[in-house]
Amino acid sequence: MRINEKIKARRELLELTDTDVVEKTNISIDEYYDIEAYPDEVFTVTYLSELKQLFIVLDFDLFELFKLPPFFPFRKEERNLEFAHKLPRHRLIKKRREELKLSEEELGSIIGFYPKAITEMEQDENFLESWTLELIIKLAKALKLPLDSLVAWNPSE
């Protein structure tokens, strides 16, 4: 079953209408229709902040639904970045970029963004909330960071 089909099935299981879901999130009705209609919508178009709201309403775990291990993209023996979950995202991004000896321009080039975006993400803890999961995974790979440290997924918030 595709992700969009899982989302629709979960909504129906919870006996929620699409309007119910829209009222409980910041997602417009058109955006929500697209989420249920297109399998890649939640991965490539929907912002992280909207995904978090949606998955809380539907009681889905972000990593389980996408079948992404929270430590992605690391192999087991590479998961030794204990500091990754102790720093706010913006500080973590800057620290890791500097450890890897990447300039803002180099990191921007790797992930396809202008250096100004790198500067902004390193100054604003919530900058990634307006990114798609696809872009956040690209950033996690570039910085060799656990995905969950950049997603900051905590459904109890």
Protein backbone atom coordinates (compact mmCIF):
# COMPACT_ATOMS: atom_id res chain seq x y z
CA MET A 1 0.00 0.00 0.00
CA ARG A 2 1.35 3.44 -0.94
CA ILE A 3 1.82 6.19 1.64
CA ASN A 4 -1.12 8.24 0.36
CA GLU A 5 -3.34 5.15 0.57
CA LYS A 6 -2.13 4.46 4.13
CA ILE A 7 -2.98 8.03 5.10
CA LYS A 8 -6.47 7.79 3.62
CA ALA A 9 -7.07 4.36 5.19
CA ARG A 10 -5.94 5.66 8.59
CA ARG A 11 -8.23 8.69 8.34
CA GLU A 12 -11.15 6.44 7.48
CA LEU A 13 -10.26 4.00 10.27
CA LEU A 14 -10.36 6.90 12.72
CA GLU A 15 -13.72 7.90 11.19
CA LEU A 16 -12.45 11.35 10.27
CA THR A 17 -13.52 13.26 7.20
CA ASP A 18 -10.96 15.13 5.15
CA THR A 19 -12.53 18.31 6.55
CA ASP A 20 -11.91 17.04 10.11
CA VAL A 21 -8.23 16.57 9.31
CA VAL A 22 -7.92 19.98 7.68
CA GLU A 23 -9.57 21.68 10.67
CA LYS A 24 -7.05 20.07 13.05
CA THR A 25 -3.97 21.01 10.99
CA ASN A 26 -2.63 23.99 9.05
CA ILE A 27 -3.06 22.09 5.79
CA SER A 28 -5.48 23.51 3.23
CA ILE A 29 -8.20 21.29 1.79
CA ASP A 30 -6.49 21.34 -1.62
CA GLU A 31 -3.17 20.33 -0.11
CA TYR A 32 -4.85 17.54 1.81
CA TYR A 33 -6.61 16.26 -1.32
CA ASP A 34 -3.18 16.10 -2.97
CA ILE A 35 -1.72 14.21 0.00
CA GLU A 36 -4.36 11.51 -0.39
CA ALA A 37 -4.17 11.54 -4.20
CA TYR A 38 -0.42 11.42 -4.88
CA PRO A 39 2.00 8.96 -3.26
CA ASP A 40 5.00 11.31 -3.21
CA GLU A 41 3.16 14.44 -2.01
CA VAL A 42 4.04 14.00 1.67
CA PHE A 43 7.67 13.34 0.82
CA THR A 44 8.41 15.97 -1.84
CA VAL A 45 5.86 18.78 -1.37
CA THR A 46 4.44 18.87 2.16
CA TYR A 47 6.38 20.89 4.74
CA LEU A 48 7.75 19.16 7.82
CA SER A 49 5.59 21.28 10.13
CA GLU A 50 2.48 20.13 8.25
CA LEU A 51 3.60 16.51 8.30
CA LYS A 52 4.05 16.64 12.04
CA GLN A 53 0.53 18.02 12.53
CA LEU A 54 -0.97 15.48 10.15
CA PHE A 55 0.76 12.53 11.76
CA ILE A 56 -0.28 13.61 15.23
CA VAL A 57 -3.92 13.86 14.12
CA LEU A 58 -3.73 10.46 12.40
CA ASP A 59 -1.58 8.93 15.17
CA PHE A 60 1.15 7.88 12.74
CA ASP A 61 4.85 7.67 13.48
CA LEU A 62 6.80 9.58 10.86
CA PHE A 63 9.65 7.08 10.66
CA GLU A 64 7.42 4.01 10.60
CA LEU A 65 5.21 5.36 7.82
CA PHE A 66 8.15 6.18 5.58
CA LYS A 67 10.07 3.10 6.73
CA LEU A 68 13.03 5.31 7.56
CA PRO A 69 15.19 4.38 10.51
CA PRO A 70 15.69 7.41 12.77
CA PHE A 71 19.46 6.96 12.52
CA PHE A 72 19.33 7.13 8.71
CA PRO A 73 21.71 7.49 6.81
CA PHE A 74 24.18 5.70 9.11
CA ARG A 75 25.29 2.15 9.36
CA LYS A 76 25.19 0.79 12.88
CA GLU A 77 28.93 1.24 13.44
CA GLU A 78 28.73 4.93 12.44
CA ARG A 79 26.13 5.95 15.02
CA ASN A 80 28.46 7.60 17.50
CA LEU A 81 27.30 11.20 17.28
CA GLU A 82 26.02 11.45 20.83
CA PHE A 83 25.89 15.24 20.63
CA ALA A 84 23.40 15.11 17.73
CA HIS A 85 20.35 14.98 19.98
CA LYS A 86 21.65 17.38 22.58
CA LEU A 87 21.94 20.47 20.41
CA PRO A 88 19.18 22.55 18.83
CA ARG A 89 18.98 21.84 15.10
CA HIS A 90 20.46 25.12 13.95
CA ARG A 91 23.51 24.74 16.19
CA LEU A 92 23.88 21.09 15.26
CA ILE A 93 23.89 21.93 11.54
CA LYS A 94 26.56 24.59 11.98
CA LYS A 95 28.70 22.43 14.27
CA ARG A 96 28.56 19.46 11.91
CA ARG A 97 29.24 21.57 8.80
CA GLU A 98 32.31 23.02 10.50
CA GLU A 99 33.48 19.56 11.67
CA LEU A 100 33.25 18.33 8.09
CA LYS A 101 35.16 21.46 7.01
CA LEU A 102 32.43 22.51 4.61
CA SER A 103 31.87 26.16 3.82
CA GLU A 104 28.32 27.48 3.55
CA GLU A 105 28.85 27.61 -0.21
CA GLU A 106 30.00 23.97 -0.34
CA LEU A 107 27.09 22.68 1.72
CA GLY A 108 24.69 24.80 -0.32
CA SER A 109 26.09 23.32 -3.50
CA ILE A 110 25.73 19.76 -2.21
CA ILE A 111 22.07 20.18 -1.28
CA GLY A 112 21.15 22.62 -4.03
CA PHE A 113 20.65 25.82 -2.02
CA TYR A 114 22.23 29.24 -1.95
CA PRO A 115 24.70 29.92 0.88
CA LYS A 116 22.19 32.44 2.29
CA ALA A 117 19.82 29.55 3.03
CA ILE A 118 22.60 27.77 4.93
CA THR A 119 23.23 30.93 6.95
CA GLU A 120 19.52 31.23 7.74
CA MET A 121 19.18 27.57 8.73
CA GLU A 122 22.15 27.92 11.08
CA GLN A 123 20.50 30.91 12.77
CA ASP A 124 16.92 29.66 13.08
CA GLU A 125 16.09 26.47 14.98
CA ASN A 126 12.75 26.19 13.15
CA PHE A 127 14.08 26.83 9.65
CA LEU A 128 13.71 23.18 8.63
CA GLU A 129 10.01 23.18 9.52
CA SER A 130 9.38 24.74 6.10
CA TRP A 131 11.39 22.08 4.28
CA THR A 132 10.14 18.84 2.81
CA LEU A 133 11.26 15.49 4.14
CA GLU A 134 13.05 14.88 0.85
CA LEU A 135 15.27 17.95 1.40
CA ILE A 136 15.88 17.17 5.07
CA ILE A 137 17.09 13.67 4.14
CA LYS A 138 19.44 15.23 1.60
CA LEU A 139 20.80 17.55 4.31
CA ALA A 140 21.16 14.67 6.80
CA LYS A 141 23.17 12.70 4.25
CA ALA A 142 25.38 15.67 3.39
CA LEU A 143 26.14 16.34 7.06
CA LYS A 144 26.23 12.65 8.01
CA LEU A 145 23.69 13.27 10.76
CA PRO A 146 20.91 11.09 12.11
CA LEU A 147 17.66 12.04 10.42
CA ASP A 148 15.72 12.23 13.67
CA SER A 149 18.10 14.93 14.95
CA LEU A 150 17.03 17.18 12.06
CA VAL A 151 13.36 16.23 11.97
CA ALA A 152 12.94 16.72 15.73
CA TRP A 153 9.97 14.35 15.72
CA ASN A 154 8.27 14.29 19.10
CA PRO A 155 4.56 13.53 18.71
CA SER A 156 3.91 14.27 22.39
CA GLU A 157 4.71 17.98 21.87
